[in-house]
Amino acid sequence: MVGIPTVSSDCNPGGPRFLTNNGERGLLFEAGNVKSMTDCIIQLIENQQLYNDFEKKSPAVAEILKPEIIDKQWIEAFKYITSKL
């Protein structure tokens, strides 16, 4: 969220995938795969354009996670659940 490109394990239940927008705001590697993690880190070091792109895109996470947005999503989820009772 602060503009620092990330390398994250693509683990369940999918937090890193969500936060990176399926790899558009940071690189994902298979959980437990050290070679894949290393390759991602090297890719960010060697590819300045990719680093810059992620640096620009990563603050978008702060917009998605604003309390007023999350509040609305929870309310809608509870409305949906209670409508099914």
C-alpha atoms as a PDB file:
ATOM      1  CA  MET A   1       0.000   0.000   0.000  1.00  0.00           C
ATOM      2  CA  VAL A   2       2.973   2.313   0.449  1.00  0.00           C
ATOM      3  CA  GLY A   3       4.382   1.820  -3.039  1.00  0.00           C
ATOM      4  CA  ILE A   4       6.939  -0.862  -2.311  1.00  0.00           C
ATOM      5  CA  PRO A   5       6.664  -3.745  -4.807  1.00  0.00           C
ATOM      6  CA  THR A   6       5.970  -7.073  -3.138  1.00  0.00           C
ATOM      7  CA  VAL A   7       6.765 -10.719  -3.630  1.00  0.00           C
ATOM      8  CA  SER A   8       4.173 -12.894  -1.899  1.00  0.00           C
ATOM      9  CA  SER A   9       3.416 -16.544  -1.417  1.00  0.00           C
ATOM     10  CA  ASP A  10       0.228 -17.494  -3.260  1.00  0.00           C
ATOM     11  CA  CYS A  11      -1.296 -19.228  -0.256  1.00  0.00           C
ATOM     12  CA  ASN A  12      -4.821 -20.061   0.879  1.00  0.00           C
ATOM     13  CA  PRO A  13      -7.274 -18.542   1.426  1.00  0.00           C
ATOM     14  CA  GLY A  14      -5.944 -16.072  -1.139  1.00  0.00           C
ATOM     15  CA  GLY A  15      -5.038 -12.886   0.714  1.00  0.00           C
ATOM     16  CA  PRO A  16      -1.857 -12.229  -1.285  1.00  0.00           C
ATOM     17  CA  ARG A  17      -3.690 -12.956  -4.566  1.00  0.00           C
ATOM     18  CA  PHE A  18      -6.383 -10.439  -3.575  1.00  0.00           C
ATOM     19  CA  LEU A  19      -3.913  -7.794  -2.407  1.00  0.00           C
ATOM     20  CA  THR A  20      -1.769  -8.109  -5.537  1.00  0.00           C
ATOM     21  CA  ASN A  21      -4.872  -8.252  -7.755  1.00  0.00           C
ATOM     22  CA  ASN A  22      -3.866 -11.645  -9.129  1.00  0.00           C
ATOM     23  CA  GLY A  23      -0.280 -10.546  -9.616  1.00  0.00           C
ATOM     24  CA  GLU A  24      -0.956  -7.115 -11.156  1.00  0.00           C
ATOM     25  CA  ARG A  25       0.414  -5.181  -8.148  1.00  0.00           C
ATOM     26  CA  GLY A  26       3.116  -7.608  -7.050  1.00  0.00           C
ATOM     27  CA  LEU A  27       4.594 -10.984  -7.886  1.00  0.00           C
ATOM     28  CA  LEU A  28       3.176 -14.241  -6.580  1.00  0.00           C
ATOM     29  CA  PHE A  29       5.055 -17.483  -6.114  1.00  0.00           C
ATOM     30  CA  GLU A  30       3.860 -20.966  -5.234  1.00  0.00           C
ATOM     31  CA  ALA A  31       3.770 -21.493  -1.477  1.00  0.00           C
ATOM     32  CA  GLY A  32       6.866 -23.369  -0.349  1.00  0.00           C
ATOM     33  CA  ASN A  33       8.670 -22.983  -3.672  1.00  0.00           C
ATOM     34  CA  VAL A  34      11.976 -21.306  -2.779  1.00  0.00           C
ATOM     35  CA  LYS A  35      13.203 -21.268  -6.400  1.00  0.00           C
ATOM     36  CA  SER A  36      10.037 -19.494  -7.546  1.00  0.00           C
ATOM     37  CA  MET A  37      10.391 -16.948  -4.732  1.00  0.00           C
ATOM     38  CA  THR A  38      14.018 -16.346  -5.668  1.00  0.00           C
ATOM     39  CA  ASP A  39      13.096 -15.946  -9.348  1.00  0.00           C
ATOM     40  CA  CYS A  40      10.446 -13.347  -8.426  1.00  0.00           C
ATOM     41  CA  ILE A  41      12.897 -11.334  -6.338  1.00  0.00           C
ATOM     42  CA  ILE A  42      15.512 -11.424  -9.100  1.00  0.00           C
ATOM     43  CA  GLN A  43      12.859 -10.404 -11.637  1.00  0.00           C
ATOM     44  CA  LEU A  44      12.032  -7.290  -9.591  1.00  0.00           C
ATOM     45  CA  ILE A  45      15.708  -6.432  -9.191  1.00  0.00           C
ATOM     46  CA  GLU A  46      16.509  -6.852 -12.890  1.00  0.00           C
ATOM     47  CA  ASN A  47      13.335  -5.396 -14.414  1.00  0.00           C
ATOM     48  CA  GLN A  48      13.148  -1.714 -13.442  1.00  0.00           C
ATOM     49  CA  GLN A  49      10.014  -1.143 -15.541  1.00  0.00           C
ATOM     50  CA  LEU A  50       8.147  -3.919 -13.723  1.00  0.00           C
ATOM     51  CA  TYR A  51       9.338  -2.531 -10.385  1.00  0.00           C
ATOM     52  CA  ASN A  52       8.111   0.947 -11.360  1.00  0.00           C
ATOM     53  CA  ASP A  53       4.740  -0.398 -12.549  1.00  0.00           C
ATOM     54  CA  PHE A  54       4.167  -2.226  -9.257  1.00  0.00           C
ATOM     55  CA  GLU A  55       5.337   0.816  -7.323  1.00  0.00           C
ATOM     56  CA  LYS A  56       2.635   2.921  -9.016  1.00  0.00           C
ATOM     57  CA  LYS A  57      -0.141   0.314  -8.723  1.00  0.00           C
ATOM     58  CA  SER A  58       0.339  -0.867  -5.147  1.00  0.00           C
ATOM     59  CA  PRO A  59      -1.264   2.135  -3.380  1.00  0.00           C
ATOM     60  CA  ALA A  60      -4.593   1.141  -4.988  1.00  0.00           C
ATOM     61  CA  VAL A  61      -4.928  -1.430  -2.199  1.00  0.00           C
ATOM     62  CA  ALA A  62      -5.483   1.400   0.289  1.00  0.00           C
ATOM     63  CA  GLU A  63      -8.534   2.503  -1.695  1.00  0.00           C
ATOM     64  CA  ILE A  64     -10.012  -0.993  -1.739  1.00  0.00           C
ATOM     65  CA  LEU A  65      -9.547  -1.430   2.005  1.00  0.00           C
ATOM     66  CA  LYS A  66     -11.035   1.873   3.168  1.00  0.00           C
ATOM     67  CA  PRO A  67     -13.275   1.235   6.196  1.00  0.00           C
ATOM     68  CA  GLU A  68     -16.333   2.749   4.520  1.00  0.00           C
ATOM     69  CA  ILE A  69     -15.967   0.350   1.589  1.00  0.00           C
ATOM     70  CA  ILE A  70     -15.430  -2.692   3.813  1.00  0.00           C
ATOM     71  CA  ASP A  71     -18.388  -1.653   5.997  1.00  0.00           C
ATOM     72  CA  LYS A  72     -20.690  -1.590   2.961  1.00  0.00           C
ATOM     73  CA  GLN A  73     -19.449  -5.000   1.837  1.00  0.00           C
ATOM     74  CA  TRP A  74     -20.156  -6.527   5.268  1.00  0.00           C
ATOM     75  CA  ILE A  75     -23.642  -4.982   5.358  1.00  0.00           C
ATOM     76  CA  GLU A  76     -24.413  -6.345   1.890  1.00  0.00           C
ATOM     77  CA  ALA A  77     -23.110  -9.782   2.889  1.00  0.00           C
ATOM     78  CA  PHE A  78     -25.306  -9.857   6.006  1.00  0.00           C
ATOM     79  CA  LYS A  79     -28.328  -8.668   4.034  1.00  0.00           C
ATOM     80  CA  TYR A  80     -27.759 -11.440   1.525  1.00  0.00           C
ATOM     81  CA  ILE A  81     -27.350 -14.082   4.240  1.00  0.00           C
ATOM     82  CA  THR A  82     -30.430 -12.995   6.169  1.00  0.00           C
ATOM     83  CA  SER A  83     -32.513 -12.890   2.986  1.00  0.00           C
ATOM     84  CA  LYS A  84     -31.834 -16.608   2.579  1.00  0.00           C
ATOM     85  CA  LEU A  85     -33.134 -17.534   6.065  1.00  0.00           C
END
